[in-house]
Amino acid sequence: MGHYQKLYKKIRNNKRSVRFEDLNTLMTKVGGFECRQGDGDHYVFSHPDLSYHISVDCRGKREPLLIVYVLKSLKAFDEVNASFTEED
């Protein structure tokens, strides 16, 4: 199992303690998402194959993300990268 697959499983299995840096790595380096600064502590993930964007409040990057942001991000990641999520 590769590094990024371990990161995916770590995020998938422990959604309440995901840090922004880990989610950002998964979404941008593996998922093909683009991340840009939004308003305040918000970052926006977008992907050319999706018709919607995901806004994530990183809470200053000091604390774990709220689970709602993690769930929305994983749903979008899985939608775009179905072949990655099926590998073990």
N, C-alpha and C. Protein backbone atom coordinates (compact mmCIF):
# COMPACT_ATOMS: atom_id res chain seq x y z
N MET A 1 0.85 -1.17 0.00
CA MET A 1 0.00 0.00 0.00
C MET A 1 0.90 1.24 0.00
N GLY A 2 0.62 2.14 -0.90
CA GLY A 2 1.44 3.34 -1.03
C GLY A 2 1.14 4.39 0.02
N HIS A 3 1.99 5.39 0.06
CA HIS A 3 1.88 6.48 1.03
C HIS A 3 0.52 7.18 0.96
N TYR A 4 0.08 7.49 -0.25
CA TYR A 4 -1.17 8.22 -0.40
C TYR A 4 -2.39 7.35 -0.08
N GLN A 5 -2.29 6.06 -0.34
CA GLN A 5 -3.38 5.17 0.05
C GLN A 5 -3.49 5.08 1.57
N LYS A 6 -2.35 5.08 2.25
CA LYS A 6 -2.35 5.08 3.72
C LYS A 6 -2.97 6.38 4.24
N LEU A 7 -2.63 7.49 3.60
CA LEU A 7 -3.20 8.77 4.00
C LEU A 7 -4.71 8.77 3.80
N TYR A 8 -5.17 8.24 2.67
CA TYR A 8 -6.61 8.15 2.40
C TYR A 8 -7.30 7.32 3.48
N LYS A 9 -6.74 6.16 3.80
CA LYS A 9 -7.34 5.30 4.82
C LYS A 9 -7.31 5.96 6.19
N LYS A 10 -6.25 6.67 6.50
CA LYS A 10 -6.14 7.39 7.78
C LYS A 10 -7.27 8.42 7.89
N ILE A 11 -7.49 9.17 6.83
CA ILE A 11 -8.55 10.18 6.84
C ILE A 11 -9.92 9.50 6.88
N ARG A 12 -10.11 8.48 6.08
CA ARG A 12 -11.39 7.77 6.01
C ARG A 12 -11.76 7.14 7.35
N ASN A 13 -10.77 6.59 8.06
CA ASN A 13 -11.03 5.86 9.31
C ASN A 13 -11.09 6.75 10.55
N ASN A 14 -10.61 7.97 10.46
CA ASN A 14 -10.58 8.83 11.64
C ASN A 14 -10.98 10.25 11.23
N LYS A 15 -12.22 10.41 10.85
CA LYS A 15 -12.71 11.66 10.27
C LYS A 15 -12.73 12.83 11.25
N ARG A 16 -12.71 12.57 12.52
CA ARG A 16 -12.81 13.64 13.52
C ARG A 16 -11.46 14.27 13.89
N SER A 17 -10.38 13.73 13.39
CA SER A 17 -9.08 14.31 13.76
C SER A 17 -8.22 14.58 12.53
N VAL A 18 -8.85 15.02 11.45
CA VAL A 18 -8.14 15.31 10.20
C VAL A 18 -7.64 16.75 10.23
N ARG A 19 -6.37 16.92 9.95
CA ARG A 19 -5.78 18.25 9.87
C ARG A 19 -5.84 18.74 8.43
N PHE A 20 -5.88 20.05 8.26
CA PHE A 20 -6.01 20.63 6.93
C PHE A 20 -4.87 20.20 6.02
N GLU A 21 -3.66 20.12 6.53
CA GLU A 21 -2.51 19.76 5.71
C GLU A 21 -2.70 18.38 5.07
N ASP A 22 -3.23 17.42 5.84
CA ASP A 22 -3.45 16.08 5.32
C ASP A 22 -4.54 16.07 4.25
N LEU A 23 -5.65 16.77 4.53
CA LEU A 23 -6.72 16.83 3.55
C LEU A 23 -6.26 17.54 2.28
N ASN A 24 -5.52 18.61 2.42
CA ASN A 24 -5.01 19.34 1.27
C ASN A 24 -4.08 18.46 0.42
N THR A 25 -3.22 17.70 1.06
CA THR A 25 -2.33 16.79 0.34
C THR A 25 -3.13 15.76 -0.45
N LEU A 26 -4.11 15.15 0.19
CA LEU A 26 -4.92 14.14 -0.48
C LEU A 26 -5.67 14.74 -1.67
N MET A 27 -6.29 15.87 -1.46
CA MET A 27 -7.12 16.46 -2.51
C MET A 27 -6.29 16.97 -3.69
N THR A 28 -5.16 17.62 -3.42
CA THR A 28 -4.40 18.24 -4.51
C THR A 28 -3.40 17.30 -5.16
N LYS A 29 -2.66 16.55 -4.39
CA LYS A 29 -1.61 15.70 -4.96
C LYS A 29 -2.13 14.39 -5.51
N VAL A 30 -3.21 13.89 -4.94
CA VAL A 30 -3.76 12.61 -5.39
C VAL A 30 -5.03 12.82 -6.21
N GLY A 31 -5.91 13.67 -5.72
CA GLY A 31 -7.23 13.82 -6.31
C GLY A 31 -7.32 14.71 -7.53
N GLY A 32 -6.30 15.51 -7.78
CA GLY A 32 -6.34 16.41 -8.92
C GLY A 32 -7.15 17.66 -8.69
N PHE A 33 -7.43 17.99 -7.44
CA PHE A 33 -8.17 19.19 -7.11
C PHE A 33 -7.24 20.38 -7.07
N GLU A 34 -7.79 21.54 -7.30
CA GLU A 34 -7.06 22.79 -7.15
C GLU A 34 -7.54 23.44 -5.86
N CYS A 35 -6.62 23.97 -5.08
CA CYS A 35 -6.97 24.63 -3.83
C CYS A 35 -6.62 26.11 -3.93
N ARG A 36 -7.57 26.95 -3.56
CA ARG A 36 -7.30 28.39 -3.56
C ARG A 36 -7.83 29.00 -2.27
N GLN A 37 -7.23 30.10 -1.89
CA GLN A 37 -7.64 30.82 -0.68
C GLN A 37 -9.00 31.44 -0.89
N GLY A 38 -9.89 31.26 0.06
CA GLY A 38 -11.20 31.89 0.04
C GLY A 38 -11.19 33.06 1.02
N ASP A 39 -12.33 33.33 1.62
CA ASP A 39 -12.43 34.40 2.61
C ASP A 39 -11.97 33.90 3.98
N GLY A 40 -11.20 34.71 4.67
CA GLY A 40 -10.76 34.36 6.01
C GLY A 40 -9.95 33.09 6.04
N ASP A 41 -10.37 32.15 6.89
CA ASP A 41 -9.69 30.86 7.03
C ASP A 41 -10.22 29.80 6.07
N HIS A 42 -11.03 30.19 5.12
CA HIS A 42 -11.62 29.24 4.19
C HIS A 42 -10.71 29.01 2.98
N TYR A 43 -10.69 27.75 2.55
CA TYR A 43 -10.03 27.37 1.30
C TYR A 43 -11.07 26.67 0.44
N VAL A 44 -10.92 26.80 -0.86
CA VAL A 44 -11.89 26.23 -1.80
C VAL A 44 -11.19 25.21 -2.69
N PHE A 45 -11.74 24.00 -2.70
CA PHE A 45 -11.25 22.94 -3.58
C PHE A 45 -12.17 22.86 -4.79
N SER A 46 -11.57 22.79 -5.97
CA SER A 46 -12.35 22.64 -7.19
C SER A 46 -11.68 21.59 -8.08
N HIS A 47 -12.50 20.97 -8.92
CA HIS A 47 -12.02 19.95 -9.85
C HIS A 47 -12.74 20.14 -11.17
N PRO A 48 -12.04 20.01 -12.29
CA PRO A 48 -12.68 20.24 -13.59
C PRO A 48 -13.82 19.27 -13.91
N ASP A 49 -13.84 18.10 -13.28
CA ASP A 49 -14.90 17.12 -13.55
C ASP A 49 -16.13 17.31 -12.67
N LEU A 50 -16.07 18.23 -11.72
CA LEU A 50 -17.20 18.47 -10.83
C LEU A 50 -17.85 19.82 -11.14
N SER A 51 -19.14 19.89 -10.95
CA SER A 51 -19.86 21.13 -11.21
C SER A 51 -19.99 21.99 -9.95
N TYR A 52 -19.42 21.53 -8.85
CA TYR A 52 -19.51 22.28 -7.59
C TYR A 52 -18.12 22.39 -6.96
N HIS A 53 -18.01 23.27 -5.99
CA HIS A 53 -16.76 23.50 -5.25
C HIS A 53 -16.99 23.11 -3.79
N ILE A 54 -15.91 22.82 -3.10
CA ILE A 54 -15.97 22.50 -1.68
C ILE A 54 -15.22 23.58 -0.91
N SER A 55 -15.92 24.24 -0.03
CA SER A 55 -15.31 25.25 0.82
C SER A 55 -14.99 24.62 2.17
N VAL A 56 -13.75 24.80 2.63
CA VAL A 56 -13.30 24.20 3.89
C VAL A 56 -12.77 25.31 4.79
N ASP A 57 -13.29 25.37 6.01
CA ASP A 57 -12.79 26.31 7.01
C ASP A 57 -11.68 25.61 7.77
N CYS A 58 -10.44 26.02 7.53
CA CYS A 58 -9.30 25.31 8.13
C CYS A 58 -9.05 25.74 9.57
N ARG A 59 -9.82 26.66 10.09
CA ARG A 59 -9.74 27.07 11.50
C ARG A 59 -8.32 27.47 11.88
N GLY A 60 -7.66 28.16 10.99
CA GLY A 60 -6.31 28.61 11.29
C GLY A 60 -5.26 27.53 11.18
N LYS A 61 -5.62 26.36 10.66
CA LYS A 61 -4.71 25.22 10.47
C LYS A 61 -4.15 24.67 11.77
N ARG A 62 -4.70 25.09 12.92
CA ARG A 62 -4.16 24.64 14.19
C ARG A 62 -4.94 23.48 14.80
N GLU A 63 -6.19 23.35 14.41
CA GLU A 63 -7.06 22.35 15.01
C GLU A 63 -7.56 21.39 13.93
N PRO A 64 -8.05 20.23 14.36
CA PRO A 64 -8.66 19.33 13.36
C PRO A 64 -9.87 19.99 12.70
N LEU A 65 -10.14 19.59 11.48
CA LEU A 65 -11.27 20.13 10.74
C LEU A 65 -12.58 19.61 11.31
N LEU A 66 -13.63 20.37 11.11
CA LEU A 66 -14.95 19.88 11.47
C LEU A 66 -15.30 18.72 10.53
N ILE A 67 -16.02 17.76 11.06
CA ILE A 67 -16.31 16.53 10.30
C ILE A 67 -17.11 16.81 9.03
N VAL A 68 -17.94 17.83 9.04
CA VAL A 68 -18.74 18.14 7.86
C VAL A 68 -17.86 18.45 6.65
N TYR A 69 -16.75 19.15 6.87
CA TYR A 69 -15.82 19.46 5.78
C TYR A 69 -15.11 18.21 5.27
N VAL A 70 -14.76 17.34 6.19
CA VAL A 70 -14.08 16.10 5.83
C VAL A 70 -15.01 15.20 5.01
N LEU A 71 -16.26 15.09 5.44
CA LEU A 71 -17.23 14.24 4.73
C LEU A 71 -17.50 14.76 3.32
N LYS A 72 -17.68 16.07 3.18
CA LYS A 72 -17.92 16.66 1.86
C LYS A 72 -16.71 16.46 0.95
N SER A 73 -15.53 16.63 1.51
CA SER A 73 -14.31 16.47 0.72
C SER A 73 -14.12 15.03 0.28
N LEU A 74 -14.33 14.08 1.18
CA LEU A 74 -14.19 12.67 0.83
C LEU A 74 -15.22 12.25 -0.22
N LYS A 75 -16.43 12.77 -0.11
CA LYS A 75 -17.46 12.45 -1.10
C LYS A 75 -17.02 12.91 -2.49
N ALA A 76 -16.52 14.14 -2.57
CA ALA A 76 -16.05 14.67 -3.86
C ALA A 76 -14.83 13.89 -4.35
N PHE A 77 -13.90 13.59 -3.46
CA PHE A 77 -12.71 12.81 -3.83
C PHE A 77 -13.11 11.46 -4.39
N ASP A 78 -14.03 10.77 -3.71
CA ASP A 78 -14.46 9.44 -4.15
C ASP A 78 -15.19 9.52 -5.50
N GLU A 79 -15.93 10.58 -5.71
CA GLU A 79 -16.66 10.75 -6.97
C GLU A 79 -15.71 10.88 -8.15
N VAL A 80 -14.63 11.59 -7.95
CA VAL A 80 -13.67 11.84 -9.03
C VAL A 80 -12.65 10.72 -9.16
N ASN A 81 -12.29 10.09 -8.06
CA ASN A 81 -11.20 9.11 -8.04
C ASN A 81 -11.69 7.72 -7.62
N ALA A 82 -12.71 7.24 -8.27
CA ALA A 82 -13.29 5.94 -7.90
C ALA A 82 -12.27 4.81 -8.02
N SER A 83 -11.41 4.84 -9.03
CA SER A 83 -10.43 3.77 -9.20
C SER A 83 -9.39 3.78 -8.08
N PHE A 84 -9.04 4.95 -7.55
CA PHE A 84 -8.07 5.02 -6.46
C PHE A 84 -8.65 4.42 -5.18
N THR A 85 -9.91 4.71 -4.90
CA THR A 85 -10.51 4.26 -3.65
C THR A 85 -10.81 2.77 -3.64
N GLU A 86 -10.86 2.13 -4.80
CA GLU A 86 -11.11 0.70 -4.87
C GLU A 86 -9.86 -0.13 -4.65
N GLU A 87 -8.68 0.47 -4.81
CA GLU A 87 -7.42 -0.26 -4.64
C GLU A 87 -7.12 -0.49 -3.18
N ASP A 88 -6.45 -1.61 -2.88
CA ASP A 88 -5.98 -1.90 -1.52
C ASP A 88 -4.59 -2.40 -1.54
